[in-house]
N, C-alpha and C. Protein backbone atom coordinates (compact mmCIF):
# COMPACT_ATOMS: atom_id res chain seq x y z
N UNK A 1 83.75 114.03 115.25
CA UNK A 1 84.88 113.18 114.68
C UNK A 1 85.24 114.34 113.00
N UNK A 2 86.59 114.57 113.17
CA UNK A 2 86.62 115.17 111.80
C UNK A 2 86.37 114.02 110.09
N UNK A 3 86.97 112.81 111.05
CA UNK A 3 87.13 111.86 109.73
C UNK A 3 86.18 111.36 109.53
N UNK A 4 84.88 111.47 110.59
CA UNK A 4 84.45 109.67 110.39
C UNK A 4 84.35 108.62 110.75
N UNK A 5 85.91 108.26 110.86
CA UNK A 5 86.28 106.94 111.10
C UNK A 5 86.70 107.31 112.36
N UNK A 6 86.91 106.24 113.10
CA UNK A 6 86.64 106.09 114.66
C UNK A 6 88.12 105.28 115.06
N UNK A 7 89.15 104.58 113.79
CA UNK A 7 90.36 104.28 114.43
C UNK A 7 91.27 105.35 114.47
N UNK A 8 91.94 105.22 115.94
CA UNK A 8 93.10 106.60 115.66
C UNK A 8 94.52 105.73 115.72
N UNK A 9 95.36 106.18 114.91
CA UNK A 9 96.39 105.69 114.81
C UNK A 9 97.91 106.58 115.20
N UNK A 10 98.79 106.07 115.42
CA UNK A 10 100.23 106.71 115.36
C UNK A 10 101.04 106.34 114.41
N UNK A 11 101.93 106.50 113.10
CA UNK A 11 102.38 106.02 112.70
C UNK A 11 104.06 105.65 114.23
N UNK A 12 104.21 104.10 113.51
CA UNK A 12 105.56 103.73 114.13
C UNK A 12 105.39 103.43 116.22
N UNK A 13 103.62 103.46 116.05
CA UNK A 13 103.88 102.95 117.80
C UNK A 13 102.47 101.82 117.54
N UNK A 14 101.53 101.65 116.96
CA UNK A 14 100.50 100.39 116.81
C UNK A 14 100.99 99.39 117.05
N UNK A 15 99.97 98.23 116.96
CA UNK A 15 100.17 97.13 117.61
C UNK A 15 100.51 96.17 116.19
N UNK A 16 100.93 95.03 116.65
CA UNK A 16 101.28 94.15 115.66
C UNK A 16 99.78 93.44 115.24
N UNK A 17 99.08 93.45 116.21
CA UNK A 17 97.45 92.97 116.08
C UNK A 17 96.59 93.39 115.12
N UNK A 18 96.00 93.30 114.55
CA UNK A 18 94.77 94.47 113.77
C UNK A 18 94.11 94.90 114.62
N UNK A 19 94.51 96.20 115.78
CA UNK A 19 94.00 96.89 115.96
C UNK A 19 94.38 98.05 116.26
N UNK A 20 92.91 99.12 116.14
CA UNK A 20 93.79 100.66 116.24
C UNK A 20 94.34 100.83 117.64
N UNK A 21 95.70 102.25 117.68
CA UNK A 21 95.63 102.46 118.96
C UNK A 21 94.92 103.16 120.22
N UNK A 22 93.87 103.52 119.62
CA UNK A 22 92.74 104.00 120.13
C UNK A 22 91.60 104.35 119.21
N UNK A 23 90.68 104.56 119.55
CA UNK A 23 89.20 105.47 118.81
C UNK A 23 88.87 106.19 119.36
N UNK A 24 87.39 106.79 118.37
CA UNK A 24 87.39 107.93 118.88
C UNK A 24 85.77 107.92 118.24
N UNK A 25 84.71 108.44 119.07
CA UNK A 25 83.13 107.86 118.65
C UNK A 25 82.57 109.81 119.54
N UNK A 26 82.14 110.30 118.97
CA UNK A 26 81.95 111.72 119.63
C UNK A 26 82.99 112.20 120.55
N UNK A 27 82.39 112.84 121.74
CA UNK A 27 84.03 113.11 122.24
C UNK A 27 84.77 111.92 123.34
N UNK A 28 84.12 110.99 122.69
CA UNK A 28 85.07 109.69 123.76
C UNK A 28 85.88 109.33 122.83
N UNK A 29 86.82 109.38 123.49
CA UNK A 29 88.19 108.81 123.13
C UNK A 29 88.95 107.93 124.14
N UNK A 30 89.12 106.72 123.67
CA UNK A 30 89.57 104.97 124.64
C UNK A 30 90.76 104.32 123.60
N UNK A 31 92.13 104.57 124.42
CA UNK A 31 92.86 103.95 123.42
C UNK A 31 93.02 102.19 123.90
N UNK A 32 93.49 101.79 123.31
CA UNK A 32 93.98 100.60 123.69
C UNK A 32 95.42 100.54 124.57
N UNK A 33 96.15 99.57 124.65
CA UNK A 33 97.61 99.61 125.30
C UNK A 33 98.53 100.59 124.29
N UNK A 34 98.54 101.47 125.56
CA UNK A 34 100.26 102.31 124.55
C UNK A 34 101.55 101.97 125.25
N UNK A 35 102.40 101.31 124.71
CA UNK A 35 104.30 101.39 124.70
C UNK A 35 105.06 102.11 124.52
N UNK A 36 106.13 101.58 125.65
CA UNK A 36 107.21 102.84 125.27
C UNK A 36 108.01 102.62 123.84
N UNK A 37 107.06 102.21 122.48
CA UNK A 37 107.86 101.93 121.02
C UNK A 37 108.60 103.41 120.78
N UNK A 38 109.25 103.08 120.13
CA UNK A 38 110.27 104.24 119.57
C UNK A 38 109.60 104.47 118.28
N UNK A 39 108.60 105.38 118.04
CA UNK A 39 108.30 105.61 116.77
C UNK A 39 108.65 105.82 115.45
N UNK A 40 110.13 106.12 115.73
CA UNK A 40 110.86 106.55 114.63
C UNK A 40 111.49 104.69 114.01
N UNK A 41 111.52 104.17 114.71
CA UNK A 41 112.01 102.88 114.66
C UNK A 41 110.55 101.76 115.01
N UNK A 42 109.76 102.19 115.09
CA UNK A 42 108.55 100.93 115.77
C UNK A 42 109.32 99.94 116.89
N UNK A 43 110.27 100.46 117.27
CA UNK A 43 111.50 99.45 118.27
C UNK A 43 111.00 99.87 119.91
N UNK A 44 110.77 98.60 120.80
CA UNK A 44 110.34 98.92 122.14
C UNK A 44 112.21 98.84 122.57
N UNK A 45 112.91 100.02 123.18
CA UNK A 45 114.05 99.83 123.85
C UNK A 45 114.05 99.00 125.16
N UNK A 46 115.50 98.55 124.88
CA UNK A 46 115.39 97.68 126.05
C UNK A 46 115.85 98.53 127.58
N UNK A 47 115.83 99.98 127.74
CA UNK A 47 115.80 100.57 128.63
C UNK A 47 114.65 101.14 129.65
N UNK A 48 114.02 100.68 130.63
CA UNK A 48 112.78 101.06 131.22
C UNK A 48 112.61 102.86 131.51
N UNK A 49 113.54 103.21 131.12
CA UNK A 49 113.36 104.84 131.70
C UNK A 49 112.39 105.61 130.54
N UNK A 50 113.64 104.88 129.51
CA UNK A 50 113.41 105.19 127.92
C UNK A 50 111.64 105.00 127.42
N UNK A 51 110.97 103.85 127.70
CA UNK A 51 110.06 103.09 127.90
C UNK A 51 109.13 103.97 128.44
N UNK A 52 109.43 104.29 129.80
CA UNK A 52 108.16 105.36 130.22
C UNK A 52 108.39 106.69 129.34
N UNK A 53 109.46 107.43 129.17
CA UNK A 53 109.42 108.62 128.38
C UNK A 53 108.65 108.18 127.31
N UNK A 54 108.77 107.24 126.26
CA UNK A 54 108.04 106.87 125.70
C UNK A 54 106.83 106.82 125.34
N UNK A 55 106.51 106.25 126.31
CA UNK A 55 104.90 105.75 126.42
C UNK A 55 104.40 107.01 126.58
N UNK A 56 104.50 108.01 127.52
CA UNK A 56 103.82 109.35 127.79
C UNK A 56 104.01 110.13 126.72
N UNK A 57 104.90 110.17 125.54
CA UNK A 57 104.89 110.51 124.45
C UNK A 57 104.25 110.17 123.14
N UNK A 58 103.95 108.81 123.35
CA UNK A 58 102.76 108.33 122.46
C UNK A 58 101.54 108.66 123.34
N UNK A 59 101.38 108.59 123.92
CA UNK A 59 100.01 108.86 124.71
C UNK A 59 99.90 110.09 124.15
N UNK A 60 100.82 111.40 124.67
CA UNK A 60 100.38 112.83 123.67
C UNK A 60 99.87 112.64 122.37
N UNK A 61 100.78 112.05 121.60
CA UNK A 61 100.74 111.85 120.41
C UNK A 61 99.20 111.32 119.57
N UNK A 62 98.93 110.43 120.38
CA UNK A 62 97.33 109.24 120.07
C UNK A 62 96.51 110.16 120.30
N UNK A 63 97.04 111.29 121.23
CA UNK A 63 95.15 112.52 122.24
C UNK A 63 95.14 113.24 121.06
N UNK A 64 96.62 114.05 120.59
CA UNK A 64 96.63 115.29 119.53
C UNK A 64 96.12 114.64 118.08
N UNK A 65 96.51 113.38 117.60
CA UNK A 65 95.90 111.98 116.72
C UNK A 65 94.60 112.09 116.51
N UNK A 66 93.50 112.12 117.89
CA UNK A 66 92.49 112.14 118.14
C UNK A 66 91.73 113.58 118.24
N UNK A 67 91.98 114.48 118.22
CA UNK A 67 91.62 115.83 118.41
C UNK A 67 91.79 116.80 119.82
N UNK A 68 92.56 115.78 120.85
CA UNK A 68 92.27 116.07 122.26
C UNK A 68 93.84 116.51 122.85
N UNK A 69 93.63 117.01 123.85
CA UNK A 69 94.71 117.40 124.54
C UNK A 69 94.81 117.23 125.60
N UNK A 70 95.81 117.17 126.61
CA UNK A 70 96.16 116.70 127.83
C UNK A 70 94.91 117.41 128.75
N UNK A 71 94.45 118.67 129.15
CA UNK A 71 93.05 118.95 129.72
C UNK A 71 91.49 118.32 129.02
N UNK A 72 91.59 117.12 128.24
CA UNK A 72 90.80 116.19 128.05
C UNK A 72 90.94 114.92 129.16
N UNK A 73 91.77 114.19 129.32
CA UNK A 73 91.78 113.50 130.05
C UNK A 73 91.43 113.22 131.02
N UNK A 74 90.48 111.87 131.25
CA UNK A 74 89.81 111.72 132.22
C UNK A 74 90.55 110.54 133.41
N UNK A 75 91.35 109.69 132.60
CA UNK A 75 91.48 109.37 133.13
C UNK A 75 92.96 108.19 132.74
N UNK A 76 93.99 107.80 133.70
CA UNK A 76 94.82 107.35 132.77
C UNK A 76 95.16 105.84 133.65
N UNK A 77 95.20 104.98 133.08
CA UNK A 77 94.78 103.70 133.61
C UNK A 77 96.73 103.03 133.13
N UNK A 78 97.34 102.82 134.11
CA UNK A 78 99.02 101.65 133.56
C UNK A 78 99.15 100.78 134.37
N UNK A 79 99.38 99.96 133.56
CA UNK A 79 99.71 98.61 133.56
C UNK A 79 101.36 98.48 133.79
N UNK A 80 101.97 98.16 135.22
CA UNK A 80 103.54 97.79 135.05
C UNK A 80 104.09 96.84 135.18
N UNK A 81 105.34 96.70 135.09
CA UNK A 81 105.62 94.96 134.71
C UNK A 81 106.55 95.40 136.53
N UNK A 82 106.84 96.47 137.05
CA UNK A 82 108.07 96.61 138.00
C UNK A 82 108.18 97.41 138.89
N UNK A 83 107.44 97.60 139.59
CA UNK A 83 106.96 98.36 140.72
C UNK A 83 108.43 99.80 141.21
N UNK A 84 109.51 99.37 140.46
CA UNK A 84 110.54 100.34 141.00
C UNK A 84 110.89 101.22 139.38
N UNK A 85 109.79 101.44 138.82
CA UNK A 85 109.50 102.47 137.74
C UNK A 85 108.69 103.70 138.47
N UNK A 86 107.81 103.37 139.47
CA UNK A 86 107.23 104.51 139.58
C UNK A 86 107.25 105.50 139.87
N UNK A 87 108.22 106.17 140.11
CA UNK A 87 109.14 107.20 140.17
C UNK A 87 109.31 107.93 138.53
N UNK A 88 109.52 107.23 137.77
CA UNK A 88 110.12 107.42 136.46
C UNK A 88 108.40 108.02 135.94
N UNK A 89 107.49 107.02 136.89
CA UNK A 89 105.93 107.53 135.82
C UNK A 89 105.87 108.25 136.79
N UNK A 90 105.67 108.74 138.32
CA UNK A 90 105.35 109.86 138.64
C UNK A 90 106.02 111.33 138.16
N UNK A 91 107.09 111.08 137.62
CA UNK A 91 107.84 112.13 137.00
C UNK A 91 107.33 113.07 135.49
N UNK A 92 106.72 111.82 135.16
CA UNK A 92 106.30 111.75 133.77
C UNK A 92 104.60 112.46 134.01
N UNK A 93 104.19 111.80 134.87
CA UNK A 93 102.93 112.46 135.21
C UNK A 93 103.05 113.83 135.61
N UNK A 94 103.86 114.37 136.89
CA UNK A 94 103.70 115.36 137.22
C UNK A 94 104.22 116.46 135.96
N UNK A 95 105.02 116.16 134.87
CA UNK A 95 105.53 117.04 134.53
C UNK A 95 104.28 117.52 133.04
N UNK A 96 103.33 116.35 132.61
CA UNK A 96 102.21 116.62 132.37
C UNK A 96 100.93 116.96 133.11
N UNK A 97 100.78 116.72 134.29
CA UNK A 97 99.96 117.72 135.06
C UNK A 97 99.92 117.72 136.51
N UNK A 98 100.78 119.32 136.23
CA UNK A 98 101.75 120.13 137.54
C UNK A 98 100.82 120.05 138.48
N UNK A 99 99.51 120.65 138.41
CA UNK A 99 98.15 121.43 139.05
C UNK A 99 97.57 119.98 140.38
N UNK A 100 98.58 119.95 141.53
CA UNK A 100 97.54 119.08 142.20
C UNK A 100 96.29 118.47 142.30
N UNK A 101 95.10 119.96 141.84
CA UNK A 101 93.87 120.61 142.01
C UNK A 101 92.98 119.79 140.23
N UNK A 102 93.88 119.84 139.64
CA UNK A 102 93.59 119.76 138.18
C UNK A 102 94.30 118.26 137.61
N UNK A 103 94.68 117.36 137.94
CA UNK A 103 94.64 116.58 137.42
C UNK A 103 93.87 114.99 137.40
N UNK A 104 93.74 114.20 136.36
CA UNK A 104 92.77 113.22 135.96
C UNK A 104 93.19 112.32 136.74
N UNK A 105 91.88 111.23 137.09
CA UNK A 105 91.91 109.93 137.60
C UNK A 105 93.23 109.22 137.24
N UNK A 106 93.89 108.34 138.18
CA UNK A 106 94.95 107.31 137.66
C UNK A 106 94.98 105.60 138.64
N UNK A 107 95.06 104.86 137.75
CA UNK A 107 95.12 103.71 138.68
C UNK A 107 96.19 102.81 138.17
N UNK A 108 97.33 102.31 138.81
CA UNK A 108 98.33 101.45 138.26
C UNK A 108 98.07 100.03 139.49
N UNK A 109 98.19 98.69 137.68
CA UNK A 109 98.48 97.51 138.30
C UNK A 109 99.70 96.85 138.22
N UNK A 110 99.98 96.14 138.87
CA UNK A 110 101.04 95.24 138.55
C UNK A 110 100.70 93.80 138.10
N UNK A 111 101.44 93.85 136.69
CA UNK A 111 101.12 93.03 136.07
C UNK A 111 102.16 92.13 134.83
N UNK A 112 102.64 90.90 134.88
CA UNK A 112 102.74 90.26 133.57
C UNK A 112 102.88 91.13 132.55
N UNK A 113 104.11 91.59 131.57
CA UNK A 113 103.53 92.22 130.26
C UNK A 113 104.69 91.19 129.63
N UNK A 114 104.22 91.57 128.28
CA UNK A 114 104.60 90.51 127.00
C UNK A 114 105.71 91.64 125.78
N UNK A 115 107.05 90.69 125.46
CA UNK A 115 107.74 91.95 124.81
C UNK A 115 108.70 92.16 125.12
N UNK A 116 109.06 92.30 126.16
CA UNK A 116 109.73 93.28 126.97
C UNK A 116 109.42 94.39 127.22
N UNK A 117 107.84 94.48 127.42
CA UNK A 117 107.32 96.03 127.93
C UNK A 117 107.57 96.24 129.14
N UNK A 118 107.80 97.38 129.90
CA UNK A 118 108.45 97.77 131.64
C UNK A 118 106.55 98.03 131.50
N UNK A 119 105.96 99.06 130.84
CA UNK A 119 104.37 99.59 131.28
C UNK A 119 103.68 99.78 130.08
N UNK A 120 102.61 99.71 129.98
CA UNK A 120 101.31 99.82 129.10
C UNK A 120 100.54 100.77 129.66
N UNK A 121 100.61 102.16 129.25
CA UNK A 121 98.89 103.36 128.97
C UNK A 121 97.94 103.10 128.44
N UNK A 122 96.62 103.07 129.67
CA UNK A 122 95.80 103.21 128.49
C UNK A 122 94.89 104.21 128.95
N UNK A 123 94.39 105.28 128.41
CA UNK A 123 94.23 106.39 128.02
C UNK A 123 92.28 106.61 128.14
N UNK A 124 91.97 107.75 128.78
CA UNK A 124 90.42 107.84 128.13
C UNK A 124 90.56 109.50 128.52
N UNK A 125 89.79 109.60 127.50
CA UNK A 125 89.57 111.17 127.63
C UNK A 125 88.42 111.52 126.69
N UNK A 126 87.74 113.19 127.05
CA UNK A 126 86.51 113.33 126.87
C UNK A 126 86.55 114.61 126.44
N UNK A 127 86.09 114.98 124.92
CA UNK A 127 86.56 116.63 124.23
C UNK A 127 85.08 116.97 124.59
N UNK A 128 84.73 117.86 124.99
CA UNK A 128 84.01 118.60 124.45
C UNK A 128 84.58 120.40 124.15
N UNK A 129 83.11 120.93 123.60
CA UNK A 129 83.57 122.17 122.74
C UNK A 129 84.17 123.36 124.07
N UNK A 130 83.90 123.33 125.03
CA UNK A 130 84.55 123.72 126.24
C UNK A 130 85.49 124.17 127.19
N UNK A 131 86.44 122.89 126.57
CA UNK A 131 87.53 121.88 127.59
C UNK A 131 88.63 123.02 126.96
């Protein structure tokens, strides 16, 4: 890791609790819950479609901050408030991973979320020099 620190954060996207948005130890990157907050103002939009778009954008920013790309993602775990958002999630998923033979694992669970969130992402990535 370049900084020698394990915590990875993205301005405007972090948690209110004293935890980082993610952590990197060696080649392994794990996130905590990534929401659809707007990084410009730190607020959660009321529109579910906007939350989905921003959550995936925030995931991209976390990966970049940790020194990774989408090519390093091995698993994406999605907690979803409402199954009606699956089409929006699939759209963001396919735009990032268009090749069906080159996609990471993905798992969706339905669960009640707090503070108006419609989804939360958790990403795991593994960075190797040959990736």
